[in-house]
PDB file of all heavy atoms in Angstrom:
ATOM      1  N   ASP A   1     115.040  96.319  84.357  1.00  0.00           N
ATOM      2  CA  ASP A   1     115.995  97.260  84.113  1.00  0.00           C
ATOM      3  C   ASP A   1     115.527  98.551  83.570  1.00  0.00           C
ATOM      4  O   ASP A   1     116.009  99.216  82.592  1.00  0.00           O
ATOM      5  CB  ASP A   1     117.135  96.705  83.126  1.00  0.00           C
ATOM      6  CG  ASP A   1     117.843  95.503  83.777  1.00  0.00           C
ATOM      7  OD1 ASP A   1     118.149  95.673  84.982  1.00  0.00           O
ATOM      8  OD2 ASP A   1     117.943  94.569  83.158  1.00  0.00           O
ATOM      9  N   ASN A   2     114.219  98.863  84.088  1.00  0.00           N
ATOM     10  CA  ASN A   2     113.587 100.209  83.712  1.00  0.00           C
ATOM     11  C   ASN A   2     113.238 100.299  82.168  1.00  0.00           C
ATOM     12  O   ASN A   2     113.131 101.357  81.748  1.00  0.00           O
ATOM     13  CB  ASN A   2     114.440 101.352  84.170  1.00  0.00           C
ATOM     14  CG  ASN A   2     114.572 101.408  85.587  1.00  0.00           C
ATOM     15  OD1 ASN A   2     113.843 100.827  86.424  1.00  0.00           O
ATOM     16  ND2 ASN A   2     115.585 102.197  86.184  1.00  0.00           N
ATOM     17  N   GLN A   3     113.152  99.252  81.536  1.00  0.00           N
ATOM     18  CA  GLN A   3     112.884  99.163  80.077  1.00  0.00           C
ATOM     19  C   GLN A   3     111.383  99.139  79.781  1.00  0.00           C
ATOM     20  O   GLN A   3     110.937  99.132  78.670  1.00  0.00           O
ATOM     21  CB  GLN A   3     113.491  98.065  79.379  1.00  0.00           C
ATOM     22  CG  GLN A   3     115.039  98.123  79.525  1.00  0.00           C
ATOM     23  CD  GLN A   3     115.573  99.362  78.836  1.00  0.00           C
ATOM     24  OE1 GLN A   3     115.353  99.671  77.714  1.00  0.00           O
ATOM     25  NE2 GLN A   3     116.371 100.108  79.582  1.00  0.00           N
ATOM     26  N   HIS A   4     110.512  98.910  80.855  1.00  0.00           N
ATOM     27  CA  HIS A   4     109.090  98.690  80.606  1.00  0.00           C
ATOM     28  C   HIS A   4     108.278  99.655  81.579  1.00  0.00           C
ATOM     29  O   HIS A   4     108.001  99.316  82.717  1.00  0.00           O
ATOM     30  CB  HIS A   4     108.736  97.258  80.927  1.00  0.00           C
ATOM     31  CG  HIS A   4     107.472  96.813  80.277  1.00  0.00           C
ATOM     32  ND1 HIS A   4     106.227  97.060  80.835  1.00  0.00           N
ATOM     33  CD2 HIS A   4     107.154  96.068  79.201  1.00  0.00           C
ATOM     34  CE1 HIS A   4     105.308  96.527  80.189  1.00  0.00           C
ATOM     35  NE2 HIS A   4     105.865  96.016  79.131  1.00  0.00           N
ATOM     36  N   GLU A   5     108.046 100.905  81.157  1.00  0.00           N
ATOM     37  CA  GLU A   5     107.475 101.940  82.010  1.00  0.00           C
ATOM     38  C   GLU A   5     106.158 101.435  82.606  1.00  0.00           C
ATOM     39  O   GLU A   5     105.358 100.943  81.879  1.00  0.00           O
ATOM     40  CB  GLU A   5     107.381 103.242  81.252  1.00  0.00           C
ATOM     41  CG  GLU A   5     107.080 104.343  82.210  1.00  0.00           C
ATOM     42  CD  GLU A   5     107.100 105.706  81.548  1.00  0.00           C
ATOM     43  OE1 GLU A   5     106.576 105.854  80.503  1.00  0.00           O
ATOM     44  OE2 GLU A   5     107.640 106.623  82.190  1.00  0.00           O
ATOM     45  N   GLY A   6     105.927 101.758  83.891  1.00  0.00           N
ATOM     46  CA  GLY A   6     104.611 101.301  84.472  1.00  0.00           C
ATOM     47  C   GLY A   6     104.862 100.089  85.215  1.00  0.00           C
ATOM     48  O   GLY A   6     104.181  99.782  86.236  1.00  0.00           O
ATOM     49  N   TYR A   7     105.796  99.181  84.805  1.00  0.00           N
ATOM     50  CA  TYR A   7     106.027  97.989  85.578  1.00  0.00           C
ATOM     51  C   TYR A   7     106.602  98.006  86.952  1.00  0.00           C
ATOM     52  O   TYR A   7     106.162  97.458  87.783  1.00  0.00           O
ATOM     53  CB  TYR A   7     106.952  97.111  84.696  1.00  0.00           C
ATOM     54  CG  TYR A   7     107.403  95.752  85.271  1.00  0.00           C
ATOM     55  CD1 TYR A   7     106.453  94.870  85.674  1.00  0.00           C
ATOM     56  CD2 TYR A   7     108.705  95.562  85.592  1.00  0.00           C
ATOM     57  CE1 TYR A   7     106.857  93.604  86.313  1.00  0.00           C
ATOM     58  CE2 TYR A   7     109.072  94.436  86.270  1.00  0.00           C
ATOM     59  CZ  TYR A   7     108.196  93.388  86.619  1.00  0.00           C
ATOM     60  OH  TYR A   7     108.527  92.352  87.229  1.00  0.00           O
ATOM     61  N   SER A   8     107.411  99.136  87.096  1.00  0.00           N
ATOM     62  CA  SER A   8     107.943  99.311  88.466  1.00  0.00           C
ATOM     63  C   SER A   8     106.810  99.490  89.452  1.00  0.00           C
ATOM     64  O   SER A   8     106.952  98.879  90.527  1.00  0.00           O
ATOM     65  CB  SER A   8     108.781 100.630  88.498  1.00  0.00           C
ATOM     66  OG  SER A   8     110.002 100.472  87.774  1.00  0.00           O
ATOM     67  N   THR A   9     105.829 100.212  89.138  1.00  0.00           N
ATOM     68  CA  THR A   9     104.619 100.345  90.104  1.00  0.00           C
ATOM     69  C   THR A   9     103.949  99.082  90.341  1.00  0.00           C
ATOM     70  O   THR A   9     103.695  98.799  91.494  1.00  0.00           O
ATOM     71  CB  THR A   9     103.682 101.392  89.650  1.00  0.00           C
ATOM     72  OG1 THR A   9     104.424 102.700  89.505  1.00  0.00           O
ATOM     73  CG2 THR A   9     102.587 101.596  90.502  1.00  0.00           C
ATOM     74  N   LEU A  10     103.708  98.349  89.348  1.00  0.00           N
ATOM     75  CA  LEU A  10     103.064  97.009  89.456  1.00  0.00           C
ATOM     76  C   LEU A  10     103.956  96.091  90.367  1.00  0.00           C
ATOM     77  O   LEU A  10     103.401  95.407  91.252  1.00  0.00           O
ATOM     78  CB  LEU A  10     102.852  96.339  88.058  1.00  0.00           C
ATOM     79  CG  LEU A  10     101.722  97.048  87.227  1.00  0.00           C
ATOM     80  CD1 LEU A  10     101.533  96.159  85.900  1.00  0.00           C
ATOM     81  CD2 LEU A  10     100.388  96.993  88.089  1.00  0.00           C
ATOM     82  N   GLU A  11     105.186  96.040  90.081  1.00  0.00           N
ATOM     83  CA  GLU A  11     106.104  95.131  90.793  1.00  0.00           C
ATOM     84  C   GLU A  11     106.254  95.547  92.183  1.00  0.00           C
ATOM     85  O   GLU A  11     106.224  94.780  93.105  1.00  0.00           O
ATOM     86  CB  GLU A  11     107.448  95.304  90.009  1.00  0.00           C
ATOM     87  CG  GLU A  11     108.459  94.207  90.677  1.00  0.00           C
ATOM     88  CD  GLU A  11     109.373  94.954  91.763  1.00  0.00           C
ATOM     89  OE1 GLU A  11     109.525  96.077  91.754  1.00  0.00           O
ATOM     90  OE2 GLU A  11     109.765  94.148  92.668  1.00  0.00           O
ATOM     91  N   ARG A  12     106.283  96.795  92.529  1.00  0.00           N
ATOM     92  CA  ARG A  12     106.336  97.317  93.907  1.00  0.00           C
ATOM     93  C   ARG A  12     105.051  97.004  94.569  1.00  0.00           C
ATOM     94  O   ARG A  12     105.024  96.644  95.766  1.00  0.00           O
ATOM     95  CB  ARG A  12     106.735  98.719  93.946  1.00  0.00           C
ATOM     96  CG  ARG A  12     108.207  98.921  93.477  1.00  0.00           C
ATOM     97  CD  ARG A  12     108.592 100.465  93.395  1.00  0.00           C
ATOM     98  NE  ARG A  12     109.923 100.503  92.812  1.00  0.00           N
ATOM     99  CZ  ARG A  12     110.555 101.686  92.489  1.00  0.00           C
ATOM    100  NH1 ARG A  12     109.935 102.778  92.740  1.00  0.00           N
ATOM    101  NH2 ARG A  12     111.726 101.674  92.019  1.00  0.00           N
ATOM    102  N   MET A  13     103.905  97.276  93.980  1.00  0.00           N
ATOM    103  CA  MET A  13     102.592  96.996  94.619  1.00  0.00           C
ATOM    104  C   MET A  13     102.533  95.466  94.891  1.00  0.00           C
ATOM    105  O   MET A  13     101.903  95.135  95.872  1.00  0.00           O
ATOM    106  CB  MET A  13     101.488  97.448  93.633  1.00  0.00           C
ATOM    107  CG  MET A  13     101.332  98.948  93.572  1.00  0.00           C
ATOM    108  SD  MET A  13     101.157  99.835  95.078  1.00  0.00           S
ATOM    109  CE  MET A  13      99.636  99.056  95.694  1.00  0.00           C
ATOM    110  N   ASP A  14     103.134  94.650  94.123  1.00  0.00           N
ATOM    111  CA  ASP A  14     103.019  93.201  94.301  1.00  0.00           C
ATOM    112  C   ASP A  14     103.665  92.828  95.630  1.00  0.00           C
ATOM    113  O   ASP A  14     103.370  91.803  96.242  1.00  0.00           O
ATOM    114  CB  ASP A  14     103.742  92.373  93.133  1.00  0.00           C
ATOM    115  CG  ASP A  14     103.445  90.986  93.224  1.00  0.00           C
ATOM    116  OD1 ASP A  14     102.224  90.512  93.179  1.00  0.00           O
ATOM    117  OD2 ASP A  14     104.434  90.146  93.437  1.00  0.00           O
ATOM    118  N   GLY A  15     104.713  93.559  96.036  1.00  0.00           N
ATOM    119  CA  GLY A  15     105.330  93.321  97.317  1.00  0.00           C
ATOM    120  C   GLY A  15     104.737  93.849  98.531  1.00  0.00           C
ATOM    121  O   GLY A  15     104.969  93.746  99.695  1.00  0.00           O
ATOM    122  N   ALA A  16     103.535  94.657  98.314  1.00  0.00           N
ATOM    123  CA  ALA A  16     102.753  95.198  99.474  1.00  0.00           C
ATOM    124  C   ALA A  16     101.731  94.174  99.843  1.00  0.00           C
ATOM    125  O   ALA A  16     100.604  94.250  99.692  1.00  0.00           O
ATOM    126  CB  ALA A  16     102.033  96.520  99.033  1.00  0.00           C
ATOM    127  N   ASN A  17     102.207  93.187 100.628  1.00  0.00           N
ATOM    128  CA  ASN A  17     101.410  91.983 100.866  1.00  0.00           C
ATOM    129  C   ASN A  17     100.215  92.289 101.720  1.00  0.00           C
ATOM    130  O   ASN A  17      99.101  91.743 101.390  1.00  0.00           O
ATOM    131  CB  ASN A  17     102.290  90.924 101.550  1.00  0.00           C
ATOM    132  CG  ASN A  17     103.468  90.347 100.717  1.00  0.00           C
ATOM    133  OD1 ASN A  17     103.286  90.241  99.559  1.00  0.00           O
ATOM    134  ND2 ASN A  17     104.633  90.170 101.316  1.00  0.00           N
ATOM    135  N   ASN A  18     100.384  93.109 102.719  1.00  0.00           N
ATOM    136  CA  ASN A  18      99.224  93.423 103.588  1.00  0.00           C
ATOM    137  C   ASN A  18      98.168  94.132 102.863  1.00  0.00           C
ATOM    138  O   ASN A  18      96.904  93.893 102.968  1.00  0.00           O
ATOM    139  CB  ASN A  18      99.688  94.254 104.820  1.00  0.00           C
ATOM    140  CG  ASN A  18     100.548  93.416 105.689  1.00  0.00           C
ATOM    141  OD1 ASN A  18     100.410  92.192 106.015  1.00  0.00           O
ATOM    142  ND2 ASN A  18     101.546  94.000 106.311  1.00  0.00           N
ATOM    143  N   TYR A  19      98.666  95.109 101.984  1.00  0.00           N
ATOM    144  CA  TYR A  19      97.656  95.935 101.285  1.00  0.00           C
ATOM    145  C   TYR A  19      96.822  94.962 100.325  1.00  0.00           C
ATOM    146  O   TYR A  19      95.681  95.215 100.115  1.00  0.00           O
ATOM    147  CB  TYR A  19      98.425  96.972 100.577  1.00  0.00           C
ATOM    148  CG  TYR A  19      97.536  97.897  99.658  1.00  0.00           C
ATOM    149  CD1 TYR A  19      96.674  98.783 100.154  1.00  0.00           C
ATOM    150  CD2 TYR A  19      97.650  97.669  98.200  1.00  0.00           C
ATOM    151  CE1 TYR A  19      95.814  99.539  99.228  1.00  0.00           C
ATOM    152  CE2 TYR A  19      96.876  98.425  97.375  1.00  0.00           C
ATOM    153  CZ  TYR A  19      95.945  99.377  97.833  1.00  0.00           C
ATOM    154  OH  TYR A  19      95.220 100.109  96.991  1.00  0.00           O
ATOM    155  N   ASN A  20      97.593  94.065  99.623  1.00  0.00           N
ATOM    156  CA  ASN A  20      96.997  93.190  98.675  1.00  0.00           C
ATOM    157  C   ASN A  20      95.993  92.270  99.310  1.00  0.00           C
ATOM    158  O   ASN A  20      94.940  91.931  98.771  1.00  0.00           O
ATOM    159  CB  ASN A  20      97.986  92.411  97.928  1.00  0.00           C
ATOM    160  CG  ASN A  20      98.877  93.378  97.017  1.00  0.00           C
ATOM    161  OD1 ASN A  20      98.374  94.301  96.575  1.00  0.00           O
ATOM    162  ND2 ASN A  20     100.161  92.975  96.917  1.00  0.00           N
ATOM    163  N   VAL A  21      96.282  91.771 100.446  1.00  0.00           N
ATOM    164  CA  VAL A  21      95.413  90.902 101.221  1.00  0.00           C
ATOM    165  C   VAL A  21      94.090  91.718 101.584  1.00  0.00           C
ATOM    166  O   VAL A  21      92.961  91.174 101.541  1.00  0.00           O
ATOM    167  CB  VAL A  21      96.077  90.433 102.532  1.00  0.00           C
ATOM    168  CG1 VAL A  21      95.020  89.689 103.417  1.00  0.00           C
ATOM    169  CG2 VAL A  21      97.080  89.265 102.145  1.00  0.00           C
ATOM    170  N   TRP A  22      94.235  93.021 101.897  1.00  0.00           N
ATOM    171  CA  TRP A  22      93.122  93.875 102.190  1.00  0.00           C
ATOM    172  C   TRP A  22      92.170  93.945 101.045  1.00  0.00           C
ATOM    173  O   TRP A  22      90.935  93.816 101.100  1.00  0.00           O
ATOM    174  CB  TRP A  22      93.717  95.283 102.613  1.00  0.00           C
ATOM    175  CG  TRP A  22      92.750  96.302 102.922  1.00  0.00           C
ATOM    176  CD1 TRP A  22      91.360  96.143 103.127  1.00  0.00           C
ATOM    177  CD2 TRP A  22      92.998  97.701 102.971  1.00  0.00           C
ATOM    178  NE1 TRP A  22      90.757  97.409 103.368  1.00  0.00           N
ATOM    179  CE2 TRP A  22      91.829  98.316 103.221  1.00  0.00           C
ATOM    180  CE3 TRP A  22      94.138  98.464 102.813  1.00  0.00           C
ATOM    181  CZ2 TRP A  22      91.701  99.771 103.347  1.00  0.00           C
ATOM    182  CZ3 TRP A  22      94.084  99.853 103.045  1.00  0.00           C
ATOM    183  CH2 TRP A  22      92.846 100.459 103.255  1.00  0.00           C
ATOM    184  N   LEU A  23      92.856  94.266  99.793  1.00  0.00           N
ATOM    185  CA  LEU A  23      92.024  94.391  98.584  1.00  0.00           C
ATOM    186  C   LEU A  23      91.333  92.945  98.317  1.00  0.00           C
ATOM    187  O   LEU A  23      90.179  92.898  97.900  1.00  0.00           O
ATOM    188  CB  LEU A  23      92.848  94.831  97.477  1.00  0.00           C
ATOM    189  CG  LEU A  23      93.510  96.205  97.515  1.00  0.00           C
ATOM    190  CD1 LEU A  23      94.201  96.480  96.246  1.00  0.00           C
ATOM    191  CD2 LEU A  23      92.490  97.258  97.669  1.00  0.00           C
ATOM    192  N   GLY A  24      92.117  91.928  98.423  1.00  0.00           N
ATOM    193  CA  GLY A  24      91.600  90.709  98.116  1.00  0.00           C
ATOM    194  C   GLY A  24      90.403  90.241  98.910  1.00  0.00           C
ATOM    195  O   GLY A  24      89.434  89.692  98.467  1.00  0.00           O
ATOM    196  N   ARG A  25      90.413  90.593 100.211  1.00  0.00           N
ATOM    197  CA  ARG A  25      89.284  90.313 101.069  1.00  0.00           C
ATOM    198  C   ARG A  25      88.002  91.122 100.561  1.00  0.00           C
ATOM    199  O   ARG A  25      86.894  90.498 100.591  1.00  0.00           O
ATOM    200  CB  ARG A  25      89.520  90.639 102.413  1.00  0.00           C
ATOM    201  CG  ARG A  25      90.500  89.667 103.094  1.00  0.00           C
ATOM    202  CD  ARG A  25      90.902  90.069 104.559  1.00  0.00           C
ATOM    203  NE  ARG A  25      91.812  89.034 105.193  1.00  0.00           N
ATOM    204  CZ  ARG A  25      92.600  89.324 106.241  1.00  0.00           C
ATOM    205  NH1 ARG A  25      92.509  90.553 106.908  1.00  0.00           N
ATOM    206  NH2 ARG A  25      93.288  88.321 106.689  1.00  0.00           N
ATOM    207  N   ARG A  26      88.219  92.406 100.080  1.00  0.00           N
ATOM    208  CA  ARG A  26      87.078  93.105  99.590  1.00  0.00           C
ATOM    209  C   ARG A  26      86.416  92.314  98.447  1.00  0.00           C
ATOM    210  O   ARG A  26      85.228  92.246  98.321  1.00  0.00           O
ATOM    211  CB  ARG A  26      87.467  94.523  99.273  1.00  0.00           C
ATOM    212  CG  ARG A  26      87.918  95.364 100.409  1.00  0.00           C
ATOM    213  CD  ARG A  26      86.877  95.509 101.473  1.00  0.00           C
ATOM    214  NE  ARG A  26      85.615  96.126 101.054  1.00  0.00           N
ATOM    215  CZ  ARG A  26      85.371  97.444 100.969  1.00  0.00           C
ATOM    216  NH1 ARG A  26      86.279  98.261 101.399  1.00  0.00           N
ATOM    217  NH2 ARG A  26      84.162  97.761 100.552  1.00  0.00           N
ATOM    218  N   PHE A  27      87.234  91.814  97.554  1.00  0.00           N
ATOM    219  CA  PHE A  27      86.730  91.193  96.325  1.00  0.00           C
ATOM    220  C   PHE A  27      86.122  89.818  96.720  1.00  0.00           C
ATOM    221  O   PHE A  27      85.014  89.428  96.276  1.00  0.00           O
ATOM    222  CB  PHE A  27      87.825  90.954  95.356  1.00  0.00           C
ATOM    223  CG  PHE A  27      88.215  92.245  94.607  1.00  0.00           C
ATOM    224  CD1 PHE A  27      89.534  92.708  94.687  1.00  0.00           C
ATOM    225  CD2 PHE A  27      87.303  92.788  93.762  1.00  0.00           C
ATOM    226  CE1 PHE A  27      89.842  93.915  93.987  1.00  0.00           C
ATOM    227  CE2 PHE A  27      87.665  93.939  92.953  1.00  0.00           C
ATOM    228  CZ  PHE A  27      88.971  94.509  93.233  1.00  0.00           C
ATOM    229  N   GLN A  28      86.783  89.029  97.667  1.00  0.00           N
ATOM    230  CA  GLN A  28      86.359  87.777  97.912  1.00  0.00           C
ATOM    231  C   GLN A  28      84.890  87.703  98.610  1.00  0.00           C
ATOM    232  O   GLN A  28      84.178  86.765  98.388  1.00  0.00           O
ATOM    233  CB  GLN A  28      87.337  87.063  98.962  1.00  0.00           C
ATOM    234  CG  GLN A  28      88.649  86.781  98.274  1.00  0.00           C
ATOM    235  CD  GLN A  28      89.651  86.410  99.263  1.00  0.00           C
ATOM    236  OE1 GLN A  28      89.531  86.482 100.528  1.00  0.00           O
ATOM    237  NE2 GLN A  28      90.855  85.979  98.847  1.00  0.00           N
ATOM    238  N   GLU A  29      84.484  88.850  99.240  1.00  0.00           N
ATOM    239  CA  GLU A  29      83.198  88.919  99.833  1.00  0.00           C
ATOM    240  C   GLU A  29      82.154  88.758  98.867  1.00  0.00           C
ATOM    241  O   GLU A  29      80.925  88.486  99.231  1.00  0.00           O
ATOM    242  CB  GLU A  29      83.016  90.232 100.603  1.00  0.00           C
ATOM    243  CG  GLU A  29      83.924  90.306 101.891  1.00  0.00           C
ATOM    244  CD  GLU A  29      83.826  91.852 102.445  1.00  0.00           C
ATOM    245  OE1 GLU A  29      83.116  92.573 101.908  1.00  0.00           O
ATOM    246  OE2 GLU A  29      84.668  92.071 103.438  1.00  0.00           O
ATOM    247  N   HIS A  30      82.384  89.092  97.543  1.00  0.00           N
ATOM    248  CA  HIS A  30      81.394  89.118  96.606  1.00  0.00           C
ATOM    249  C   HIS A  30      81.559  88.205  95.377  1.00  0.00           C
ATOM    250  O   HIS A  30      80.794  88.265  94.451  1.00  0.00           O
ATOM    251  CB  HIS A  30      81.329  90.687  96.128  1.00  0.00           C
ATOM    252  CG  HIS A  30      81.139  91.645  97.114  1.00  0.00           C
ATOM    253  ND1 HIS A  30      79.948  91.955  97.755  1.00  0.00           N
ATOM    254  CD2 HIS A  30      82.075  92.454  97.736  1.00  0.00           C
ATOM    255  CE1 HIS A  30      80.130  92.928  98.803  1.00  0.00           C
ATOM    256  NE2 HIS A  30      81.375  93.111  98.725  1.00  0.00           N
TER     257      HIS A  30
END
């Protein structure tokens, strides 16, 4: 309920599944 500034961006980024898989693969390589 917009009481925790900055959380909106984290929560919305969590829904970007394809983007997160992309980042995850970069990390997993190493």
